[in-house]
Structure formats: structure tokens, C-alpha cells
């Protein structure tokens, strides 16, 4: 089986209207596949592990070259940056591409199809967090709302943290009212996760993604209104869905060796060794010329 044939099969998982990022990113389409490595983010270290395992084709969910459209829009995507930053990015791109070529690797992007298909990345998150398909009470592109017996938002956040810990997520961030009772949770994956869409679908709490969340917008809204919002890493949210792609590959091509390289939470966690607390805010006296007291935050 060639890399080009596998690319065609991946596109058939779910037909996506063009333009799509699902394509061959690097390598020779005529490459005969020895083994496949299935990854979320094709970092250089992940590609190195793929080579060590004997894989010469990598199926990757996210970009290889630091921008959504990979090599296609590389210069345009970074045109606004200072020249020194653009040069650093070019050097990283060129070195990584040379390494890929030197190791005769083929990189196939498989992103839009799994994001959009039934039982794809979003529904895999629903299952990974312990919910069933029957628990889904509302859905929209990129979002699901699941229902459950009412409980405090903090308790649901703890349940989410327990599930995500299996993927290397050290905990979940939380904004809003931990004591508010909720019976519906809005879910989404990656950059497509949208709190506002989940709210419109009837979610009483949301699971946000760090890549998509803006602290001055969604998080501030949660703090001001008490709306419970838990937040996890992009990689954590999509790990179960990427694993699903690997399972489909193995089932369709039992003659191929398919390795799923689990990545989950993409960052490393350094614990300060102290119990974290919110800063203490004290009210000061009115300063002449000011119409209201100033707040001072004490570390």
C-alpha cells in the first residue's frame, strides 16, 4: 500500500468541502508503507519516535510547520512578525523538513474529516469523559451538550479532572461559581470549542480549551456571572479522537502495523510546592481626586 492510497482512504473517512488542510504535507506519495504512526501533534520528538518504531508514514491531526495551512501559507501567516522572528521560524521549518526528507518520512494531515464526522473527535471527547451518546441533549458543529443529574459545578470539574488525568493533564482550570448546581455541560475540542455556542444550546457549564479561551472574554464572563467554566489543554481534548483514527486505521488495514503515539496534555507541569490561593484584595481609602476606592492586590 502506498502513502497516496492511504491519503485517499483518509479523505474518505468524511468528505470535506474544499478547501481543506487534509492532504500530504511532506514526502513521496509513491512511498510503500512499512508502518504508520498516528499522532495528534507531529512535533520533532514525536516524529523521531515514529522513526524508531519503524514507521515511514505519519498520520497527524495538527500542523507540522507551525501554521494551520502548513507550508502552503507559511510566509503569509508570519508576514506581520519582525524579520528576526520570521527568520527563526524559517530555520526551524527548513531544518525539520530536511530531517523529514532525510528519513524518507511521509506526513499525512487528517484534521478536518475527524473533526466533522460522526463519532469523530468531539464525540470521542464525550466518551472519554465518561458520557454516553444517549447523554447528548444538544449538538452543533464542533459542540455537544450532555445532560446528567444535577450536582455542584465544582464536583463536575473534579470528575473532568479525574478523566483528563489519564492523559497527563495535571488538573483543570476553573472560573465561575464552584457551588452552582448544573445539569448540562457544553463540550468542544481544540480551537473550535465555543462557549457562546454551548450557551445557546442550553449548557449550564462549559469545558473550554486553552488554545481557544480568552481570559478577558469567556473567562471574565464566567467570573462576572458565576457561569462555571473548566479549562483543559488542546491536546487533552483531542487525544481520544486521534486515538479513534488509529483504531479505524487498524481495523481497515489489519496488514499494516499502526502505532498510536499518545500525547495528551502538551505541556510540562512544574508544581511550586505550595497550595495555590487566589490573591487577597483589600479595600483602601478614597484617594483625593478619585471617585471610588482603589483596590490593591497583595501577593
Protein backbone atom coordinates (compact mmCIF):
# COMPACT_ATOMS: atom_id res chain seq x y z
CA UNK A 1 0.00 0.00 0.00
CA UNK A 2 1.35 3.43 -0.90
CA UNK A 3 1.16 6.68 1.01
CA UNK A 4 -1.02 8.13 -1.76
CA UNK A 5 -3.53 5.29 -1.36
CA UNK A 6 -3.68 5.85 2.38
CA UNK A 7 -4.22 9.57 1.83
CA UNK A 8 -7.24 8.78 -0.38
CA UNK A 9 -8.67 6.48 2.28
CA UNK A 10 -8.27 9.12 4.98
CA UNK A 11 -10.16 11.61 2.84
CA UNK A 12 -13.00 9.10 2.51
CA UNK A 13 -13.46 8.91 6.30
CA UNK A 14 -15.61 12.00 5.91
CA UNK A 15 -15.91 14.08 2.77
CA UNK A 16 -14.95 17.68 3.48
CA UNK A 17 -15.83 20.55 1.21
CA UNK A 18 -12.68 22.26 -0.11
CA UNK A 19 -10.55 23.99 0.88
CA UNK A 20 -9.26 21.54 3.48
CA UNK A 21 -5.97 21.12 5.29
CA UNK A 22 -6.27 17.33 4.92
CA UNK A 23 -3.50 16.49 2.48
CA UNK A 24 0.04 15.19 2.11
CA UNK A 25 2.26 17.70 3.90
CA UNK A 26 5.66 16.23 3.05
CA UNK A 27 7.19 13.16 1.44
CA UNK A 28 6.87 10.99 -1.65
CA UNK A 29 3.32 9.79 -2.43
CA UNK A 30 4.76 6.62 -4.03
CA UNK A 31 6.25 5.50 -0.69
CA UNK A 32 5.39 1.90 0.17
CA UNK A 33 4.15 1.88 3.75
CA UNK A 34 6.18 -0.15 6.23
CA UNK A 35 4.26 1.06 9.32
CA UNK A 36 2.06 4.02 10.29
CA UNK A 37 2.42 6.28 13.31
CA UNK A 38 -0.77 8.04 14.37
CA UNK A 39 -0.19 11.27 16.32
CA UNK A 40 -2.00 14.38 17.47
CA UNK A 41 0.85 16.89 17.05
CA UNK A 42 3.76 15.97 14.74
CA UNK A 43 6.45 17.54 16.88
CA UNK A 44 10.02 16.67 16.02
CA UNK A 45 10.23 14.38 19.06
CA UNK A 46 7.05 12.53 18.01
CA UNK A 47 8.43 12.08 14.51
CA UNK A 48 11.65 10.73 16.00
CA UNK A 49 9.68 8.14 17.98
CA UNK A 50 7.82 7.18 14.80
CA UNK A 51 11.10 6.52 13.01
CA UNK A 52 12.41 4.50 15.97
CA UNK A 53 9.29 2.30 15.73
CA UNK A 54 9.91 1.65 12.05
CA UNK A 55 7.12 3.87 10.73
CA UNK A 56 7.67 5.71 7.46
CA UNK A 57 4.20 7.31 7.28
CA UNK A 58 2.84 9.62 9.98
CA UNK A 59 -0.86 10.48 10.18
CA UNK A 60 -1.08 13.75 12.09
CA UNK A 61 -4.07 15.73 13.30
CA UNK A 62 -2.32 19.08 13.74
CA UNK A 63 0.16 21.06 11.59
CA UNK A 64 3.79 20.10 11.14
CA UNK A 65 5.06 23.60 10.34
CA UNK A 66 3.55 25.98 12.93
CA UNK A 67 0.62 27.32 10.93
CA UNK A 68 -2.81 25.85 10.12
CA UNK A 69 -2.09 25.50 6.39
CA UNK A 70 1.47 24.25 6.92
CA UNK A 71 3.81 25.06 4.01
CA UNK A 72 1.03 26.46 1.84
CA UNK A 73 0.66 29.79 3.67
CA UNK A 74 3.82 29.82 5.76
CA UNK A 75 5.19 33.17 4.60
CA UNK A 76 1.79 34.85 4.61
CA UNK A 77 0.92 33.59 8.10
CA UNK A 78 4.05 35.13 9.63
CA UNK A 79 4.44 38.20 7.40
CA UNK A 80 3.43 40.52 10.26
CA UNK A 81 6.28 39.38 12.52
CA UNK A 82 9.64 41.12 12.91
CA UNK A 83 12.28 39.87 10.50
CA UNK A 84 14.27 38.12 13.25
CA UNK A 85 11.21 36.11 14.28
CA UNK A 86 10.42 35.20 10.66
CA UNK A 87 14.00 34.04 10.18
CA UNK A 88 13.86 31.86 13.30
CA UNK A 89 10.65 30.25 12.04
CA UNK A 90 12.15 29.66 8.59
CA UNK A 91 15.20 27.99 10.11
CA UNK A 92 13.02 25.70 12.22
CA UNK A 93 10.83 24.86 9.22
CA UNK A 94 13.76 24.15 6.92
CA UNK A 95 15.65 22.02 9.46
CA UNK A 96 12.55 19.96 10.24
CA UNK A 97 11.72 19.49 6.56
CA UNK A 98 15.29 18.40 5.76
CA UNK A 99 15.12 15.87 8.60
CA UNK A 100 11.77 14.52 7.34
CA UNK A 101 13.19 14.13 3.84
CA UNK A 102 16.43 12.57 5.10
CA UNK A 103 14.41 9.94 6.97
CA UNK A 104 12.14 9.30 3.96
CA UNK A 105 9.04 10.12 6.01
CA UNK A 106 5.62 10.94 4.64
CA UNK A 107 3.38 13.25 6.70
CA UNK A 108 -0.37 12.99 6.07
CA UNK A 109 -2.65 15.56 7.70
CA UNK A 110 -6.00 14.19 8.89
CA UNK A 111 -7.79 17.02 10.68
CA UNK A 112 -10.98 18.31 9.08
CA UNK A 113 -12.53 14.89 8.47
CA UNK A 114 -12.23 13.60 12.06
CA UNK A 115 -13.32 16.99 13.41
CA UNK A 116 -16.54 16.89 11.38
CA UNK A 117 -17.51 13.23 11.12
CA UNK A 118 -19.99 11.41 13.36
CA UNK A 119 -18.23 9.58 16.20
CA UNK A 120 -15.20 11.73 15.46
CA UNK A 121 -13.05 13.93 17.68
CA UNK A 122 -15.86 15.74 19.51
CA UNK A 123 -17.90 12.60 20.19
CA UNK A 124 -14.73 10.80 21.29
CA UNK A 125 -14.27 13.51 23.92
CA UNK A 126 -17.81 12.87 25.14
CA UNK A 127 -16.97 9.18 25.58
CA UNK A 128 -13.53 9.82 27.05
CA UNK A 129 -15.08 11.93 29.80
CA UNK A 130 -17.40 9.10 30.74
CA UNK A 131 -20.60 10.14 28.98
CA UNK A 132 -22.66 8.05 26.57
CA UNK A 133 -24.19 9.02 23.23
CA UNK A 134 -27.59 8.93 24.93
CA UNK A 135 -26.41 11.68 27.31
CA UNK A 136 -26.07 14.18 24.44
CA UNK A 137 -29.05 16.54 24.62
CA UNK A 138 -27.96 19.09 22.01
CA UNK A 139 -25.37 19.34 19.27
CA UNK A 140 -23.91 21.78 16.77
CA UNK A 141 -20.79 21.68 14.56
CA UNK A 142 -17.87 21.34 16.97
CA UNK A 143 -20.04 21.33 20.11
CA UNK A 144 -22.10 18.91 22.19
CA UNK A 145 -24.15 19.40 25.35
CA UNK A 146 -24.54 16.43 27.68
CA UNK A 147 -27.08 16.07 30.46
CA UNK A 148 -26.76 14.44 33.89
CA UNK A 149 -28.27 14.52 37.38
CA UNK A 150 -27.80 17.98 38.95
CA UNK A 151 -24.64 18.46 41.01
CA UNK A 152 -22.35 21.32 42.10
CA UNK A 153 -20.12 22.62 39.30
CA UNK A 154 -17.03 22.00 41.40
CA UNK A 155 -17.92 18.32 41.64
CA UNK A 156 -18.29 18.10 37.87
CA UNK A 157 -14.94 19.88 37.46
CA UNK A 158 -13.34 17.25 39.70
CA UNK A 159 -14.85 14.47 37.58
CA UNK A 160 -13.43 16.11 34.45
CA UNK A 161 -10.02 16.43 36.11
CA UNK A 162 -10.04 12.74 37.05
CA UNK A 163 -10.76 11.69 33.46
CA UNK A 164 -8.20 14.05 31.98
CA UNK A 165 -5.51 12.93 34.42
CA UNK A 166 -5.32 9.71 32.40
CA UNK A 167 -3.95 11.83 29.53
CA UNK A 168 -1.32 13.65 31.57
CA UNK A 169 -3.46 16.70 32.36
CA UNK A 170 -2.39 17.73 35.89
CA UNK A 171 -5.72 19.39 36.67
CA UNK A 172 -8.40 21.63 35.21
CA UNK A 173 -8.55 25.40 35.49
CA UNK A 174 -11.84 26.76 36.75
CA UNK A 175 -13.70 30.07 36.50
CA UNK A 176 -17.10 30.97 37.91
CA UNK A 177 -19.14 29.62 40.81
CA UNK A 178 -17.99 26.20 42.05
CA UNK A 179 -21.16 25.80 44.12
CA UNK A 180 -23.66 26.45 41.34
CA UNK A 181 -25.75 23.37 40.60
CA UNK A 182 -25.64 22.30 36.97
CA UNK A 183 -27.30 19.57 34.94
CA UNK A 184 -25.83 20.20 31.48
CA UNK A 185 -22.23 20.54 30.26
CA UNK A 186 -21.09 22.04 26.98
CA UNK A 187 -18.15 20.31 25.27
CA UNK A 188 -15.94 21.08 22.31
CA UNK A 189 -12.45 20.25 21.13
CA UNK A 190 -9.46 22.33 20.19
CA UNK A 191 -9.77 25.74 18.63
CA UNK A 192 -13.34 25.01 17.57
CA UNK A 193 -14.54 24.90 21.16
CA UNK A 194 -17.04 27.74 21.55
CA UNK A 195 -18.55 28.68 24.91
CA UNK A 196 -21.08 31.00 23.27
CA UNK A 197 -22.36 28.21 21.03
CA UNK A 198 -22.62 25.90 24.03
CA UNK A 199 -24.55 28.55 25.95
CA UNK A 200 -27.01 28.92 23.08
CA UNK A 201 -27.53 25.15 23.14
CA UNK A 202 -28.56 25.27 26.80
CA UNK A 203 -25.29 24.43 28.57
CA UNK A 204 -25.21 25.41 32.26
CA UNK A 205 -21.44 24.79 32.44
CA UNK A 206 -18.73 24.53 29.79
CA UNK A 207 -15.45 22.74 29.22
CA UNK A 208 -13.16 25.24 27.49
CA UNK A 209 -9.87 24.68 25.66
CA UNK A 210 -6.77 26.72 26.43
CA UNK A 211 -5.99 27.50 22.76
CA UNK A 212 -9.46 28.95 22.18
CA UNK A 213 -10.13 30.60 25.54
CA UNK A 214 -9.65 34.35 26.03
CA UNK A 215 -9.31 35.30 29.67
CA UNK A 216 -10.61 38.82 29.01
CA UNK A 217 -13.74 37.46 27.32
CA UNK A 218 -15.10 33.99 28.17
CA UNK A 219 -13.24 33.69 31.47
CA UNK A 220 -14.21 37.22 32.55
CA UNK A 221 -17.83 36.47 31.63
CA UNK A 222 -17.68 33.32 33.77
CA UNK A 223 -16.24 35.22 36.75
CA UNK A 224 -18.76 38.06 36.45
CA UNK A 225 -21.83 35.84 36.04
CA UNK A 226 -20.77 32.77 38.01
CA UNK A 227 -21.16 30.62 34.87
CA UNK A 228 -18.96 27.56 35.59
CA UNK A 229 -16.12 27.12 33.11
CA UNK A 230 -13.48 24.38 33.37
CA UNK A 231 -10.47 24.54 31.03
CA UNK A 232 -8.10 21.85 29.71
CA UNK A 233 -5.27 21.66 27.21
CA UNK A 234 -5.95 21.43 23.47
CA UNK A 235 -4.07 18.13 23.23
CA UNK A 236 -6.03 16.61 26.09
CA UNK A 237 -9.35 17.45 24.44
CA UNK A 238 -8.43 15.73 21.17
CA UNK A 239 -6.38 12.72 22.32
CA UNK A 240 -9.38 10.38 22.45
CA UNK A 241 -10.43 11.42 18.94
CA UNK A 242 -6.97 10.96 17.45
CA UNK A 243 -6.80 7.53 19.10
CA UNK A 244 -10.10 6.75 17.34
CA UNK A 245 -8.49 7.46 13.95
CA UNK A 246 -5.76 4.96 14.80
CA UNK A 247 -8.39 2.35 15.68
CA UNK A 248 -10.15 2.90 12.36
CA UNK A 249 -6.83 2.55 10.52
CA UNK A 250 -6.03 -0.73 12.27
CA UNK A 251 -9.49 -2.14 11.55
CA UNK A 252 -9.43 -1.16 7.87
CA UNK A 253 -5.86 -2.34 7.21
CA UNK A 254 -5.03 -5.26 9.51
CA UNK A 255 -1.96 -5.98 7.38
CA UNK A 256 -0.42 -2.64 8.41
CA UNK A 257 1.42 -2.00 11.66
CA UNK A 258 -0.30 1.06 13.15
CA UNK A 259 1.23 2.70 16.22
CA UNK A 260 -0.73 5.32 18.13
CA UNK A 261 1.68 7.65 19.90
CA UNK A 262 -0.27 9.01 22.85
CA UNK A 263 0.49 12.66 23.63
CA UNK A 264 -2.44 14.07 25.59
CA UNK A 265 -1.61 17.22 27.55
CA UNK A 266 1.06 19.00 25.54
CA UNK A 267 2.86 20.95 28.25
CA UNK A 268 5.00 20.00 31.22
CA UNK A 269 3.78 20.96 34.69
CA UNK A 270 6.03 22.41 37.39
CA UNK A 271 4.47 22.41 40.85
CA UNK A 272 5.54 25.26 43.12
CA UNK A 273 5.16 23.05 46.16
CA UNK A 274 2.75 25.46 47.83
CA UNK A 275 -1.01 25.35 47.94
CA UNK A 276 -2.22 27.90 45.40
CA UNK A 277 -4.63 30.55 46.62
CA UNK A 278 -6.31 33.46 44.90
CA UNK A 279 -4.69 36.83 45.60
CA UNK A 280 -6.12 38.73 48.56
CA UNK A 281 -7.79 42.01 47.63
CA UNK A 282 -8.10 44.73 50.27
CA UNK A 283 -10.16 47.89 50.07
CA UNK A 284 -8.18 51.11 50.56
CA UNK A 285 -9.32 54.58 51.48
CA UNK A 286 -10.52 57.00 48.84
CA UNK A 287 -7.68 59.00 47.33
CA UNK A 288 -8.42 62.70 46.77
CA UNK A 289 -9.46 63.24 43.18
CA UNK A 290 -10.79 59.70 42.74
CA UNK A 291 -14.49 58.93 42.78
CA UNK A 292 -14.21 55.38 44.12
CA UNK A 293 -11.82 53.37 46.32
CA UNK A 294 -8.81 51.72 44.69
CA UNK A 295 -8.14 48.04 45.09
CA UNK A 296 -4.71 46.77 45.96
CA UNK A 297 -3.73 43.17 45.33
CA UNK A 298 -1.38 41.69 47.89
CA UNK A 299 0.64 38.63 46.76
